[in-house]
N, C-alpha and C. Protein backbone atom coordinates (compact mmCIF):
# COMPACT_ATOMS: atom_id res chain seq x y z
N MET A 1 122.79 -80.25 81.60
CA MET A 1 121.49 -80.39 82.21
C MET A 1 120.41 -80.07 81.19
N ASN A 2 119.36 -80.88 81.22
CA ASN A 2 118.24 -80.70 80.32
C ASN A 2 117.11 -79.97 81.05
N TYR A 3 116.80 -78.72 80.63
CA TYR A 3 115.77 -77.92 81.31
C TYR A 3 114.42 -77.99 80.59
N ARG A 4 114.26 -78.77 79.60
CA ARG A 4 113.02 -78.84 78.84
C ARG A 4 111.90 -79.54 79.61
N ASN A 5 112.14 -80.40 80.54
CA ASN A 5 111.12 -81.19 81.23
C ASN A 5 110.75 -80.62 82.60
N LEU A 6 111.04 -79.36 82.88
CA LEU A 6 110.74 -78.80 84.19
C LEU A 6 109.34 -78.20 84.29
N GLY A 7 108.66 -77.90 83.25
CA GLY A 7 107.35 -77.24 83.30
C GLY A 7 106.23 -78.14 82.77
N PHE A 8 105.01 -77.57 82.76
CA PHE A 8 103.84 -78.26 82.23
C PHE A 8 103.53 -77.72 80.85
N THR A 9 102.97 -78.56 80.02
CA THR A 9 102.55 -78.09 78.70
C THR A 9 101.20 -77.39 78.83
N LEU A 10 100.84 -76.65 77.83
CA LEU A 10 99.56 -75.94 77.83
C LEU A 10 98.41 -76.93 77.87
N LEU A 11 98.52 -78.03 77.19
CA LEU A 11 97.48 -79.06 77.18
C LEU A 11 97.28 -79.65 78.57
N GLU A 12 98.36 -79.93 79.28
CA GLU A 12 98.25 -80.46 80.64
C GLU A 12 97.58 -79.45 81.57
N LEU A 13 97.91 -78.19 81.44
CA LEU A 13 97.29 -77.15 82.27
C LEU A 13 95.80 -77.01 81.97
N LEU A 14 95.42 -77.06 80.69
CA LEU A 14 94.00 -76.95 80.33
C LEU A 14 93.19 -78.14 80.86
N ILE A 15 93.74 -79.33 80.76
CA ILE A 15 93.04 -80.52 81.27
C ILE A 15 92.88 -80.43 82.80
N ALA A 16 93.93 -80.04 83.51
CA ALA A 16 93.86 -79.92 84.96
C ALA A 16 92.86 -78.84 85.36
N PHE A 17 92.86 -77.71 84.66
CA PHE A 17 91.92 -76.64 84.96
C PHE A 17 90.49 -77.07 84.68
N SER A 18 90.25 -77.82 83.62
CA SER A 18 88.91 -78.32 83.30
C SER A 18 88.39 -79.26 84.37
N ILE A 19 89.23 -80.19 84.80
CA ILE A 19 88.83 -81.12 85.85
C ILE A 19 88.53 -80.38 87.15
N PHE A 20 89.38 -79.44 87.49
CA PHE A 20 89.18 -78.64 88.71
C PHE A 20 87.87 -77.84 88.61
N SER A 21 87.56 -77.27 87.45
CA SER A 21 86.34 -76.49 87.26
C SER A 21 85.10 -77.35 87.42
N ILE A 22 85.13 -78.54 86.86
CA ILE A 22 83.98 -79.46 86.98
C ILE A 22 83.76 -79.83 88.45
N ILE A 23 84.80 -80.11 89.16
CA ILE A 23 84.68 -80.45 90.59
C ILE A 23 84.11 -79.28 91.38
N VAL A 24 84.57 -78.06 91.11
CA VAL A 24 84.06 -76.88 91.82
C VAL A 24 82.58 -76.65 91.51
N ILE A 25 82.17 -76.82 90.28
CA ILE A 25 80.76 -76.62 89.90
C ILE A 25 79.87 -77.64 90.60
N VAL A 26 80.26 -78.90 90.61
CA VAL A 26 79.46 -79.94 91.26
C VAL A 26 79.37 -79.69 92.77
N LEU A 27 80.47 -79.35 93.39
CA LEU A 27 80.46 -79.10 94.83
C LEU A 27 79.65 -77.86 95.18
N SER A 28 79.73 -76.81 94.39
CA SER A 28 78.97 -75.60 94.70
C SER A 28 77.47 -75.85 94.54
N TYR A 29 77.06 -76.64 93.55
CA TYR A 29 75.64 -76.98 93.38
C TYR A 29 75.15 -77.76 94.61
N ASN A 30 75.91 -78.74 95.06
CA ASN A 30 75.52 -79.51 96.24
C ASN A 30 75.51 -78.65 97.49
N PHE A 31 76.42 -77.71 97.57
CA PHE A 31 76.50 -76.81 98.72
C PHE A 31 75.26 -75.91 98.79
N ILE A 32 74.86 -75.34 97.66
CA ILE A 32 73.66 -74.50 97.61
C ILE A 32 72.42 -75.34 97.90
N ASN A 33 72.33 -76.53 97.34
CA ASN A 33 71.20 -77.42 97.58
C ASN A 33 71.11 -77.81 99.05
N PHE A 34 72.24 -77.97 99.71
CA PHE A 34 72.27 -78.30 101.13
C PHE A 34 71.61 -77.19 101.95
N PHE A 35 71.90 -75.94 101.65
CA PHE A 35 71.31 -74.83 102.41
C PHE A 35 69.82 -74.69 102.13
N GLU A 36 69.37 -75.00 100.92
CA GLU A 36 67.93 -75.00 100.64
C GLU A 36 67.22 -76.07 101.46
N ARG A 37 67.80 -77.27 101.51
CA ARG A 37 67.21 -78.34 102.31
C ARG A 37 67.21 -77.99 103.79
N LEU A 38 68.27 -77.35 104.24
CA LEU A 38 68.39 -76.97 105.64
C LEU A 38 67.33 -75.96 106.04
N SER A 39 67.11 -74.92 105.23
CA SER A 39 66.10 -73.93 105.57
C SER A 39 64.69 -74.51 105.51
N LEU A 40 64.42 -75.41 104.56
CA LEU A 40 63.12 -76.08 104.49
C LEU A 40 62.91 -76.97 105.72
N GLU A 41 63.94 -77.68 106.13
CA GLU A 41 63.85 -78.54 107.31
C GLU A 41 63.62 -77.70 108.57
N GLU A 42 64.32 -76.58 108.68
CA GLU A 42 64.17 -75.72 109.85
C GLU A 42 62.75 -75.17 109.96
N ALA A 43 62.19 -74.69 108.86
CA ALA A 43 60.82 -74.16 108.86
C ALA A 43 59.81 -75.26 109.17
N THR A 44 60.02 -76.45 108.63
CA THR A 44 59.10 -77.57 108.86
C THR A 44 59.11 -77.98 110.33
N VAL A 45 60.28 -78.09 110.91
CA VAL A 45 60.37 -78.48 112.33
C VAL A 45 59.76 -77.42 113.23
N TYR A 46 59.97 -76.15 112.91
CA TYR A 46 59.39 -75.09 113.72
C TYR A 46 57.87 -75.12 113.66
N LEU A 47 57.30 -75.27 112.47
CA LEU A 47 55.85 -75.36 112.33
C LEU A 47 55.32 -76.61 113.01
N PHE A 48 56.02 -77.72 112.88
CA PHE A 48 55.62 -78.98 113.53
C PHE A 48 55.58 -78.82 115.05
N THR A 49 56.61 -78.25 115.65
CA THR A 49 56.64 -78.10 117.10
C THR A 49 55.57 -77.12 117.58
N THR A 50 55.28 -76.09 116.79
CA THR A 50 54.21 -75.17 117.16
C THR A 50 52.86 -75.86 117.10
N LEU A 51 52.64 -76.72 116.10
CA LEU A 51 51.39 -77.48 116.02
C LEU A 51 51.26 -78.46 117.19
N LYS A 52 52.36 -79.09 117.58
CA LYS A 52 52.32 -79.99 118.74
C LYS A 52 51.98 -79.20 120.02
N LEU A 53 52.55 -78.03 120.17
CA LEU A 53 52.24 -77.17 121.31
C LEU A 53 50.78 -76.75 121.29
N PHE A 54 50.27 -76.44 120.10
CA PHE A 54 48.85 -76.09 119.92
C PHE A 54 47.95 -77.25 120.35
N GLN A 55 48.32 -78.46 119.96
CA GLN A 55 47.55 -79.65 120.32
C GLN A 55 47.61 -79.90 121.83
N GLU A 56 48.78 -79.77 122.42
CA GLU A 56 48.93 -79.98 123.87
C GLU A 56 48.17 -78.92 124.66
N SER A 57 48.12 -77.71 124.14
CA SER A 57 47.35 -76.65 124.79
C SER A 57 45.87 -76.99 124.79
N ALA A 58 45.39 -77.62 123.72
CA ALA A 58 43.99 -78.04 123.67
C ALA A 58 43.70 -79.11 124.69
N CYS A 59 44.64 -80.02 124.90
CA CYS A 59 44.45 -81.11 125.86
C CYS A 59 44.44 -80.62 127.30
N SER A 60 45.05 -79.49 127.56
CA SER A 60 45.17 -79.00 128.93
C SER A 60 43.99 -78.13 129.35
N GLN A 61 43.05 -77.86 128.45
CA GLN A 61 41.91 -76.99 128.79
C GLN A 61 40.60 -77.71 128.54
N LYS A 62 39.59 -77.36 129.35
CA LYS A 62 38.29 -77.99 129.20
C LYS A 62 37.58 -77.49 127.95
N ASP A 63 37.45 -76.18 127.83
CA ASP A 63 36.84 -75.58 126.65
C ASP A 63 37.94 -74.91 125.84
N TYR A 64 38.12 -75.36 124.63
CA TYR A 64 39.22 -74.86 123.81
C TYR A 64 38.68 -74.45 122.45
N TYR A 65 38.78 -73.17 122.15
CA TYR A 65 38.24 -72.65 120.90
C TYR A 65 39.31 -72.00 120.03
N ASP A 66 40.56 -72.19 120.37
CA ASP A 66 41.64 -71.58 119.60
C ASP A 66 41.68 -72.15 118.18
N LEU A 67 42.19 -71.37 117.26
CA LEU A 67 42.30 -71.77 115.86
C LEU A 67 43.74 -71.62 115.39
N PHE A 68 44.10 -72.47 114.45
CA PHE A 68 45.38 -72.33 113.76
C PHE A 68 45.02 -72.14 112.30
N GLU A 69 45.28 -70.95 111.78
CA GLU A 69 44.89 -70.63 110.41
C GLU A 69 46.11 -70.57 109.50
N PHE A 70 45.90 -70.95 108.25
CA PHE A 70 46.96 -71.00 107.25
C PHE A 70 46.59 -70.09 106.09
N TYR A 71 47.54 -69.29 105.66
CA TYR A 71 47.36 -68.36 104.55
C TYR A 71 48.44 -68.62 103.50
N PRO A 72 48.19 -69.56 102.56
CA PRO A 72 49.22 -69.93 101.57
C PRO A 72 49.63 -68.79 100.64
N THR A 73 48.75 -67.85 100.37
CA THR A 73 49.10 -66.79 99.42
C THR A 73 50.14 -65.84 99.98
N ILE A 74 50.21 -65.71 101.31
CA ILE A 74 51.18 -64.79 101.91
C ILE A 74 52.17 -65.50 102.83
N GLU A 75 52.19 -66.84 102.78
CA GLU A 75 53.13 -67.67 103.56
C GLU A 75 53.07 -67.38 105.06
N LEU A 76 51.85 -67.32 105.61
CA LEU A 76 51.68 -67.09 107.05
C LEU A 76 50.87 -68.21 107.69
N CYS A 77 51.24 -68.54 108.92
CA CYS A 77 50.48 -69.45 109.76
C CYS A 77 50.23 -68.70 111.07
N ILE A 78 48.97 -68.62 111.51
CA ILE A 78 48.64 -67.82 112.68
C ILE A 78 47.88 -68.66 113.69
N TRP A 79 48.37 -68.68 114.93
CA TRP A 79 47.70 -69.31 116.05
C TRP A 79 46.86 -68.22 116.70
N LYS A 80 45.53 -68.39 116.68
CA LYS A 80 44.62 -67.40 117.23
C LYS A 80 44.01 -67.95 118.51
N VAL A 81 44.06 -67.15 119.57
CA VAL A 81 43.53 -67.53 120.88
C VAL A 81 42.19 -66.85 121.07
N TYR A 82 41.22 -67.65 121.51
CA TYR A 82 39.87 -67.13 121.73
C TYR A 82 39.78 -66.49 123.11
N ASN A 83 39.19 -65.29 123.15
CA ASN A 83 38.97 -64.57 124.39
C ASN A 83 37.46 -64.55 124.65
N PRO A 84 36.97 -65.36 125.63
CA PRO A 84 35.52 -65.43 125.84
C PRO A 84 34.90 -64.13 126.36
N SER A 85 35.66 -63.33 127.08
CA SER A 85 35.08 -62.09 127.61
C SER A 85 34.75 -61.09 126.50
N SER A 86 35.59 -61.02 125.49
CA SER A 86 35.32 -60.10 124.37
C SER A 86 34.71 -60.82 123.17
N ASN A 87 34.59 -62.15 123.26
CA ASN A 87 34.05 -62.98 122.18
C ASN A 87 34.78 -62.72 120.86
N SER A 88 36.12 -62.69 120.94
CA SER A 88 36.92 -62.44 119.74
C SER A 88 38.23 -63.23 119.82
N TYR A 89 38.93 -63.24 118.71
CA TYR A 89 40.21 -63.93 118.62
C TYR A 89 41.35 -62.92 118.62
N LYS A 90 42.46 -63.32 119.24
CA LYS A 90 43.66 -62.50 119.25
C LYS A 90 44.81 -63.34 118.70
N ASN A 91 45.66 -62.74 117.89
CA ASN A 91 46.82 -63.46 117.36
C ASN A 91 47.78 -63.77 118.49
N TYR A 92 48.06 -65.05 118.67
CA TYR A 92 48.97 -65.47 119.72
C TYR A 92 50.39 -65.69 119.18
N ARG A 93 50.48 -66.39 118.05
CA ARG A 93 51.79 -66.64 117.44
C ARG A 93 51.64 -66.59 115.92
N ILE A 94 52.53 -65.84 115.29
CA ILE A 94 52.52 -65.72 113.83
C ILE A 94 53.81 -66.34 113.31
N ILE A 95 53.66 -67.29 112.40
CA ILE A 95 54.81 -67.93 111.78
C ILE A 95 54.91 -67.41 110.35
N ASP A 96 55.92 -66.61 110.10
CA ASP A 96 56.14 -66.04 108.78
C ASP A 96 57.17 -66.89 108.05
N LEU A 97 56.70 -67.68 107.10
CA LEU A 97 57.58 -68.59 106.37
C LEU A 97 58.48 -67.86 105.37
N LYS A 98 58.16 -66.59 105.09
CA LYS A 98 59.04 -65.81 104.22
C LYS A 98 60.40 -65.58 104.89
N LYS A 99 60.40 -65.60 106.21
CA LYS A 99 61.65 -65.45 106.94
C LYS A 99 62.62 -66.60 106.62
N TYR A 100 62.07 -67.77 106.40
CA TYR A 100 62.87 -68.95 106.05
C TYR A 100 63.05 -69.09 104.54
N LYS A 101 62.41 -68.20 103.77
CA LYS A 101 62.40 -68.28 102.30
C LYS A 101 61.81 -69.61 101.84
N VAL A 102 60.71 -69.99 102.50
CA VAL A 102 60.01 -71.24 102.23
C VAL A 102 58.57 -70.90 101.84
N ASP A 103 58.01 -71.64 100.90
CA ASP A 103 56.64 -71.42 100.45
C ASP A 103 55.68 -72.33 101.19
N LEU A 104 54.54 -71.77 101.59
CA LEU A 104 53.43 -72.57 102.11
C LEU A 104 52.57 -72.90 100.90
N ILE A 105 52.76 -74.08 100.36
CA ILE A 105 52.10 -74.44 99.11
C ILE A 105 50.61 -74.66 99.33
N SER A 106 50.26 -75.42 100.36
CA SER A 106 48.84 -75.61 100.69
C SER A 106 48.69 -76.14 102.10
N ALA A 107 47.50 -75.95 102.62
CA ALA A 107 47.10 -76.50 103.91
C ALA A 107 45.66 -76.96 103.75
N ASN A 108 45.44 -78.26 103.70
CA ASN A 108 44.12 -78.81 103.43
C ASN A 108 43.52 -79.41 104.69
N PHE A 109 42.53 -78.73 105.24
CA PHE A 109 41.79 -79.23 106.41
C PHE A 109 40.30 -79.03 106.15
N GLY A 110 39.73 -79.96 105.42
CA GLY A 110 38.32 -79.82 105.05
C GLY A 110 38.13 -78.68 104.07
N THR A 111 37.10 -77.88 104.30
CA THR A 111 36.81 -76.78 103.38
C THR A 111 37.54 -75.50 103.75
N LEU A 112 38.03 -75.42 104.99
CA LEU A 112 38.72 -74.21 105.44
C LEU A 112 40.21 -74.44 105.55
N ASN A 113 40.94 -73.37 105.63
CA ASN A 113 42.38 -73.45 105.86
C ASN A 113 42.69 -73.21 107.33
N SER A 114 41.89 -73.83 108.20
CA SER A 114 42.10 -73.65 109.64
C SER A 114 42.01 -75.00 110.33
N LEU A 115 42.65 -75.07 111.49
CA LEU A 115 42.72 -76.30 112.26
C LEU A 115 42.28 -76.00 113.68
N HIS A 116 41.50 -76.91 114.23
CA HIS A 116 41.03 -76.80 115.61
C HIS A 116 41.16 -78.17 116.26
N PHE A 117 41.61 -78.21 117.51
CA PHE A 117 41.71 -79.45 118.26
C PHE A 117 40.68 -79.44 119.39
N THR A 118 40.12 -80.61 119.69
CA THR A 118 39.24 -80.74 120.85
C THR A 118 40.11 -80.89 122.09
N ASN A 119 39.46 -80.94 123.25
CA ASN A 119 40.24 -81.08 124.48
C ASN A 119 40.82 -82.49 124.64
N LEU A 120 40.49 -83.39 123.74
CA LEU A 120 41.10 -84.72 123.72
C LEU A 120 42.29 -84.79 122.77
N GLY A 121 42.59 -83.69 122.10
CA GLY A 121 43.71 -83.64 121.16
C GLY A 121 43.37 -84.16 119.78
N ILE A 122 42.08 -84.28 119.50
CA ILE A 122 41.63 -84.77 118.19
C ILE A 122 41.33 -83.56 117.30
N PRO A 123 41.85 -83.56 116.08
CA PRO A 123 41.63 -82.40 115.20
C PRO A 123 40.21 -82.35 114.65
N SER A 124 39.79 -81.14 114.25
CA SER A 124 38.47 -80.98 113.64
C SER A 124 38.39 -81.78 112.34
N SER A 125 39.47 -81.85 111.62
CA SER A 125 39.58 -82.72 110.44
C SER A 125 41.05 -82.94 110.17
N GLY A 126 41.36 -84.09 109.62
CA GLY A 126 42.74 -84.37 109.28
C GLY A 126 43.14 -83.58 108.06
N GLY A 127 44.43 -83.52 107.83
CA GLY A 127 44.88 -82.77 106.67
C GLY A 127 46.38 -82.81 106.49
N THR A 128 46.82 -82.10 105.48
CA THR A 128 48.22 -82.06 105.14
C THR A 128 48.65 -80.62 104.87
N ILE A 129 49.81 -80.27 105.41
CA ILE A 129 50.42 -78.97 105.14
C ILE A 129 51.63 -79.25 104.26
N ILE A 130 51.71 -78.56 103.14
CA ILE A 130 52.82 -78.77 102.21
C ILE A 130 53.70 -77.53 102.19
N LEU A 131 54.96 -77.71 102.56
CA LEU A 131 55.96 -76.64 102.50
C LEU A 131 56.92 -76.96 101.37
N GLY A 132 57.40 -75.94 100.69
CA GLY A 132 58.31 -76.18 99.59
C GLY A 132 59.34 -75.09 99.43
N LYS A 133 60.43 -75.49 98.82
CA LYS A 133 61.49 -74.55 98.44
C LYS A 133 62.08 -75.07 97.14
N GLY A 134 61.80 -74.36 96.06
CA GLY A 134 62.23 -74.85 94.76
C GLY A 134 61.49 -76.14 94.43
N SER A 135 62.23 -77.18 94.13
CA SER A 135 61.61 -78.47 93.81
C SER A 135 61.50 -79.37 95.04
N LEU A 136 62.00 -78.91 96.18
CA LEU A 136 61.95 -79.70 97.41
C LEU A 136 60.60 -79.53 98.09
N ARG A 137 60.07 -80.60 98.71
CA ARG A 137 58.80 -80.57 99.41
C ARG A 137 58.92 -81.28 100.76
N LYS A 138 58.19 -80.76 101.75
CA LYS A 138 58.04 -81.40 103.06
C LYS A 138 56.55 -81.40 103.37
N TYR A 139 56.09 -82.46 103.99
CA TYR A 139 54.67 -82.62 104.30
C TYR A 139 54.51 -82.80 105.81
N ILE A 140 53.61 -82.02 106.40
CA ILE A 140 53.21 -82.22 107.79
C ILE A 140 51.81 -82.81 107.72
N ILE A 141 51.68 -84.04 108.20
CA ILE A 141 50.44 -84.79 108.06
C ILE A 141 49.80 -84.93 109.44
N ILE A 142 48.50 -84.59 109.51
CA ILE A 142 47.74 -84.72 110.75
C ILE A 142 46.62 -85.71 110.48
N THR A 143 46.63 -86.83 111.21
CA THR A 143 45.61 -87.87 111.00
C THR A 143 44.32 -87.45 111.69
N PRO A 144 43.16 -87.73 111.06
CA PRO A 144 41.90 -87.23 111.60
C PRO A 144 41.43 -87.93 112.88
N ALA A 145 41.61 -89.22 112.99
CA ALA A 145 41.04 -89.94 114.14
C ALA A 145 41.91 -89.84 115.39
N THR A 146 43.20 -89.92 115.22
CA THR A 146 44.09 -89.96 116.39
C THR A 146 44.75 -88.63 116.70
N GLY A 147 44.83 -87.75 115.72
CA GLY A 147 45.50 -86.47 115.93
C GLY A 147 47.01 -86.57 115.87
N ARG A 148 47.51 -87.67 115.36
CA ARG A 148 48.97 -87.83 115.25
C ARG A 148 49.50 -86.85 114.22
N ILE A 149 50.58 -86.15 114.58
CA ILE A 149 51.21 -85.18 113.69
C ILE A 149 52.59 -85.71 113.34
N ARG A 150 52.88 -85.76 112.04
CA ARG A 150 54.19 -86.26 111.64
C ARG A 150 54.70 -85.50 110.42
N ILE A 151 56.01 -85.56 110.24
CA ILE A 151 56.67 -84.94 109.09
C ILE A 151 57.05 -86.04 108.10
N SER A 152 56.84 -85.77 106.82
CA SER A 152 57.17 -86.76 105.80
C SER A 152 57.82 -86.07 104.60
N ASP A 153 58.67 -86.82 103.91
CA ASP A 153 59.28 -86.33 102.67
C ASP A 153 58.41 -86.65 101.46
N SER A 154 57.39 -87.49 101.65
CA SER A 154 56.51 -87.86 100.55
C SER A 154 55.07 -87.59 100.96
N PRO A 155 54.19 -87.38 99.97
CA PRO A 155 52.79 -87.11 100.30
C PRO A 155 52.12 -88.31 100.96
N PRO A 156 50.98 -88.09 101.62
CA PRO A 156 50.27 -89.21 102.24
C PRO A 156 49.90 -90.26 101.20
N GLU A 157 49.82 -91.48 101.65
CA GLU A 157 49.58 -92.60 100.72
C GLU A 157 48.17 -92.59 100.14
N SER A 158 47.24 -91.88 100.74
CA SER A 158 45.88 -91.87 100.24
C SER A 158 45.71 -90.95 99.03
N TRP A 159 46.78 -90.26 98.61
CA TRP A 159 46.67 -89.37 97.45
C TRP A 159 46.62 -90.19 96.21
């Protein structure tokens, strides 16, 4: 019996290990990138649904003075409810994007970083909210005339 052909050579083992290592590296990179995209998507959808609720709340009231303010330096979005009896605002809902490990890159609504809807659901001014994680970006676009709110993977075409 010839026992010389029962094992693998060192060269065969090194080639197999190299191929296996390359496959593991590529899969782990895609796996990590998947979770980054997932957390960015989750934060974007949550902010989007809160903005839709904010808009619907404006449509259901005759006089609506609530504000939605954006603070890009600290990754916060705050829905402030106006109290006419005390003539002041109270924080109704705070969205902390640090919880999702997502950056609030910018929120452009005219000269201020705040959004207001009329009782017809029309915004005070149109604008774009940019969320990011690493090199990934998501855009929440609010059109000025109609108040349509949508999520996009690319910036508005007017840029």
